[in-house]
Amino acid sequence: MVIQAWQIILITIIAFIKAVDMYGTQVLAFNSIIFGALTGLVLGDPYTGLVVGGTVQLMSLGVAALDGSSVPDYPTATI
């Protein structure tokens, strides 16, 4: 599969929306499933995007920032 230039631009816009939402309203901030589905739709395989997003969402369950540690950025890993 060859990734086209327009797909790269759309994925970059999705990552930008995630970054802006992280420091703004936080409507979609830590929902990896939505970002996986959006990325999958852009790349033409929404099923794989949902599987990857669900797997990463499952990894993020129960993770808390304690004693100054930081939580990994799971949605960016999904994208």
Protein backbone atom coordinates (compact mmCIF):
# COMPACT_ATOMS: atom_id res chain seq x y z
CA MET A 1 0.00 0.00 0.00
CA VAL A 2 1.34 3.38 -1.01
CA ILE A 3 0.37 6.34 1.11
CA GLN A 4 -0.62 9.33 -1.02
CA ALA A 5 0.22 12.95 -0.22
CA TRP A 6 -3.42 13.82 0.60
CA GLN A 7 -3.51 10.97 3.14
CA ILE A 8 -0.40 12.31 4.85
CA ILE A 9 -1.98 15.78 5.00
CA LEU A 10 -5.22 14.40 6.50
CA ILE A 11 -3.32 12.32 9.09
CA THR A 12 -1.32 15.42 10.03
CA ILE A 13 -4.59 17.36 10.45
CA ILE A 14 -5.95 14.56 12.68
CA ALA A 15 -2.80 14.71 14.82
CA PHE A 16 -3.10 18.51 15.00
CA ILE A 17 -6.73 18.26 16.12
CA LYS A 18 -5.63 15.80 18.82
CA ALA A 19 -2.88 18.15 20.02
CA VAL A 20 -5.20 21.17 20.11
CA ASP A 21 -7.91 19.18 21.90
CA MET A 22 -5.38 17.99 24.49
CA TYR A 23 -4.81 21.54 25.72
CA GLY A 24 -8.27 22.91 24.99
CA THR A 25 -11.71 21.46 25.54
CA GLN A 26 -10.54 17.82 25.86
CA VAL A 27 -13.58 16.40 24.08
CA LEU A 28 -11.55 13.63 22.40
CA ALA A 29 -8.33 13.89 24.39
CA PHE A 30 -7.71 10.29 25.44
CA ASN A 31 -10.07 8.36 23.18
CA SER A 32 -7.75 6.21 21.08
CA ILE A 33 -10.62 4.36 19.40
CA ILE A 34 -11.89 7.50 17.64
CA PHE A 35 -8.43 8.49 16.42
CA GLY A 36 -7.78 4.93 15.26
CA ALA A 37 -11.05 4.89 13.33
CA LEU A 38 -10.34 8.28 11.73
CA THR A 39 -6.85 7.24 10.70
CA GLY A 40 -8.19 3.94 9.38
CA LEU A 41 -10.81 5.76 7.32
CA VAL A 42 -8.16 8.01 5.80
CA LEU A 43 -5.94 5.04 4.95
CA GLY A 44 -8.83 2.98 3.61
CA ASP A 45 -8.96 0.28 6.31
CA PRO A 46 -11.28 1.34 9.16
CA TYR A 47 -11.41 -2.17 10.66
CA THR A 48 -7.66 -2.22 11.31
CA GLY A 49 -7.88 1.34 12.66
CA LEU A 50 -10.55 0.25 15.14
CA VAL A 51 -8.54 -2.82 16.17
CA VAL A 52 -5.40 -0.76 16.77
CA GLY A 53 -7.38 1.96 18.57
CA GLY A 54 -9.15 -0.60 20.78
CA THR A 55 -5.90 -2.34 21.64
CA VAL A 56 -4.20 0.90 22.62
CA GLN A 57 -7.31 2.01 24.56
CA LEU A 58 -7.18 -1.27 26.48
CA MET A 59 -3.51 -0.65 27.31
CA SER A 60 -4.39 2.77 28.69
CA LEU A 61 -7.02 1.53 31.14
CA GLY A 62 -5.88 1.83 34.71
CA VAL A 63 -2.90 4.06 33.97
CA ALA A 64 -2.69 7.03 36.30
CA ALA A 65 -0.13 9.77 36.77
CA LEU A 66 1.09 9.30 40.33
CA ASP A 67 3.95 11.08 42.10
CA GLY A 68 4.86 13.30 39.18
CA SER A 69 4.99 10.60 36.53
CA SER A 70 3.45 11.35 33.18
CA VAL A 71 0.91 9.23 31.32
CA PRO A 72 2.00 8.20 27.81
CA ASP A 73 0.26 9.82 24.87
CA TYR A 74 -1.78 6.85 23.68
CA PRO A 75 -3.83 8.58 20.93
CA THR A 76 -0.66 9.74 19.21
CA ALA A 77 0.61 6.18 19.31
CA THR A 78 -2.66 5.09 17.73
CA ILE A 79 -2.35 7.61 14.89
